[in-house]
Amino acid sequence: MTDDKPFECTNPGCGMKFTNEDHLAVHKAKHQLSLTIDDIRPGLLSFVADQTPTPSKFLKNCEDVGLFQDFGKNPFEEAFKRATE
């Protein structure tokens, strides 16, 4: 009996077999893309998490740079008033 799947993955612990080399290449790429939590350096995950602003920090920063100053007047409301006069 011949082997229908002669192309075997050489990744340690995998052993999956494929009918052609193209399918094996796609499978091997999945091994390269997978990331486990063990691959992350200690402390890196907490550093990344600390970079995400909380809603209150985000709103405070918006106020500090003056993002909400233009909310006093609604330009559409002013144009509507002029159009109805």
C-alpha atoms as a PDB file:
ATOM      1  CA  MET A   1       0.000   0.000   0.000  1.00  0.00           C
ATOM      2  CA  THR A   2       1.401   3.403  -0.967  1.00  0.00           C
ATOM      3  CA  ASP A   3       1.309   6.411   1.339  1.00  0.00           C
ATOM      4  CA  ASP A   4      -1.381   8.880   0.136  1.00  0.00           C
ATOM      5  CA  LYS A   5       0.229  11.625   2.213  1.00  0.00           C
ATOM      6  CA  PRO A   6       3.985  11.491   1.725  1.00  0.00           C
ATOM      7  CA  PHE A   7       4.688  15.065   2.886  1.00  0.00           C
ATOM      8  CA  GLU A   8       5.079  15.076   6.676  1.00  0.00           C
ATOM      9  CA  CYS A   9       5.459  18.126   8.918  1.00  0.00           C
ATOM     10  CA  THR A  10       8.844  18.145  10.633  1.00  0.00           C
ATOM     11  CA  ASN A  11       7.758  20.477  13.435  1.00  0.00           C
ATOM     12  CA  PRO A  12       8.436  18.719  16.778  1.00  0.00           C
ATOM     13  CA  GLY A  13       5.336  16.991  18.081  1.00  0.00           C
ATOM     14  CA  CYS A  14       3.204  17.628  14.992  1.00  0.00           C
ATOM     15  CA  GLY A  15       3.598  14.763  12.514  1.00  0.00           C
ATOM     16  CA  MET A  16       0.723  15.841  10.254  1.00  0.00           C
ATOM     17  CA  LYS A  17       0.921  14.512   6.697  1.00  0.00           C
ATOM     18  CA  PHE A  18      -0.238  16.064   3.440  1.00  0.00           C
ATOM     19  CA  THR A  19      -0.929  14.925  -0.106  1.00  0.00           C
ATOM     20  CA  ASN A  20       1.202  17.622  -1.713  1.00  0.00           C
ATOM     21  CA  GLU A  21       4.034  19.952  -0.852  1.00  0.00           C
ATOM     22  CA  ASP A  22       1.909  23.105  -1.221  1.00  0.00           C
ATOM     23  CA  HIS A  23      -0.448  22.013   1.559  1.00  0.00           C
ATOM     24  CA  LEU A  24       2.550  21.227   3.754  1.00  0.00           C
ATOM     25  CA  ALA A  25       3.994  24.708   3.112  1.00  0.00           C
ATOM     26  CA  VAL A  26       0.707  26.360   4.168  1.00  0.00           C
ATOM     27  CA  HIS A  27       0.629  24.195   7.288  1.00  0.00           C
ATOM     28  CA  LYS A  28       4.237  25.052   8.201  1.00  0.00           C
ATOM     29  CA  ALA A  29       3.430  28.755   7.907  1.00  0.00           C
ATOM     30  CA  LYS A  30       0.757  28.272  10.581  1.00  0.00           C
ATOM     31  CA  HIS A  31       3.417  26.947  12.954  1.00  0.00           C
ATOM     32  CA  GLN A  32       5.488  30.085  12.349  1.00  0.00           C
ATOM     33  CA  LEU A  33       2.523  32.397  12.970  1.00  0.00           C
ATOM     34  CA  SER A  34       1.424  30.810  16.206  1.00  0.00           C
ATOM     35  CA  LEU A  35       2.448  32.710  19.304  1.00  0.00           C
ATOM     36  CA  THR A  36       2.287  31.282  22.764  1.00  0.00           C
ATOM     37  CA  ILE A  37       2.217  33.244  25.976  1.00  0.00           C
ATOM     38  CA  ASP A  38       5.566  31.654  26.855  1.00  0.00           C
ATOM     39  CA  ASP A  39       7.185  33.563  23.971  1.00  0.00           C
ATOM     40  CA  ILE A  40       6.368  36.926  25.563  1.00  0.00           C
ATOM     41  CA  ARG A  41       9.084  38.367  27.774  1.00  0.00           C
ATOM     42  CA  PRO A  42       8.109  38.787  31.429  1.00  0.00           C
ATOM     43  CA  GLY A  43       6.773  42.269  32.072  1.00  0.00           C
ATOM     44  CA  LEU A  44       6.112  43.029  28.408  1.00  0.00           C
ATOM     45  CA  LEU A  45       2.423  42.192  28.620  1.00  0.00           C
ATOM     46  CA  SER A  46       1.859  44.512  31.578  1.00  0.00           C
ATOM     47  CA  PHE A  47       3.785  47.286  29.786  1.00  0.00           C
ATOM     48  CA  VAL A  48       1.524  46.987  26.749  1.00  0.00           C
ATOM     49  CA  ALA A  49      -1.623  46.893  28.880  1.00  0.00           C
ATOM     50  CA  ASP A  50      -0.569  50.075  30.698  1.00  0.00           C
ATOM     51  CA  GLN A  51      -0.417  51.962  27.387  1.00  0.00           C
ATOM     52  CA  THR A  52      -4.159  51.673  26.796  1.00  0.00           C
ATOM     53  CA  PRO A  53      -5.903  54.713  28.289  1.00  0.00           C
ATOM     54  CA  THR A  54      -8.956  54.280  30.456  1.00  0.00           C
ATOM     55  CA  PRO A  55     -12.012  56.280  29.355  1.00  0.00           C
ATOM     56  CA  SER A  56     -11.472  58.835  32.129  1.00  0.00           C
ATOM     57  CA  LYS A  57      -7.790  59.306  31.176  1.00  0.00           C
ATOM     58  CA  PHE A  58      -8.800  59.620  27.532  1.00  0.00           C
ATOM     59  CA  LEU A  59     -11.418  62.278  28.291  1.00  0.00           C
ATOM     60  CA  LYS A  60      -8.997  64.189  30.541  1.00  0.00           C
ATOM     61  CA  ASN A  61      -6.410  64.238  27.760  1.00  0.00           C
ATOM     62  CA  CYS A  62      -9.045  65.500  25.321  1.00  0.00           C
ATOM     63  CA  GLU A  63      -9.895  68.346  27.679  1.00  0.00           C
ATOM     64  CA  ASP A  64      -6.199  69.173  28.191  1.00  0.00           C
ATOM     65  CA  VAL A  65      -5.577  69.592  24.463  1.00  0.00           C
ATOM     66  CA  GLY A  66      -8.824  71.487  23.906  1.00  0.00           C
ATOM     67  CA  LEU A  67     -10.636  68.888  21.860  1.00  0.00           C
ATOM     68  CA  PHE A  68     -14.027  69.715  23.380  1.00  0.00           C
ATOM     69  CA  GLN A  69     -13.778  73.505  23.001  1.00  0.00           C
ATOM     70  CA  ASP A  70     -15.567  73.464  19.652  1.00  0.00           C
ATOM     71  CA  PHE A  71     -18.625  71.735  21.077  1.00  0.00           C
ATOM     72  CA  GLY A  72     -20.122  75.013  22.318  1.00  0.00           C
ATOM     73  CA  LYS A  73     -21.829  75.785  19.002  1.00  0.00           C
ATOM     74  CA  ASN A  74     -23.363  73.363  16.577  1.00  0.00           C
ATOM     75  CA  PRO A  75     -22.614  74.668  13.045  1.00  0.00           C
ATOM     76  CA  PHE A  76     -25.600  72.811  11.608  1.00  0.00           C
ATOM     77  CA  GLU A  77     -27.918  74.439  14.111  1.00  0.00           C
ATOM     78  CA  GLU A  78     -26.606  77.904  13.177  1.00  0.00           C
ATOM     79  CA  ALA A  79     -27.056  77.197   9.459  1.00  0.00           C
ATOM     80  CA  PHE A  80     -30.583  75.914  10.094  1.00  0.00           C
ATOM     81  CA  LYS A  81     -31.492  79.078  12.029  1.00  0.00           C
ATOM     82  CA  ARG A  82     -30.229  81.255   9.169  1.00  0.00           C
ATOM     83  CA  ALA A  83     -32.127  79.204   6.593  1.00  0.00           C
ATOM     84  CA  THR A  84     -35.417  79.441   8.471  1.00  0.00           C
ATOM     85  CA  GLU A  85     -35.249  83.210   9.020  1.00  0.00           C
END
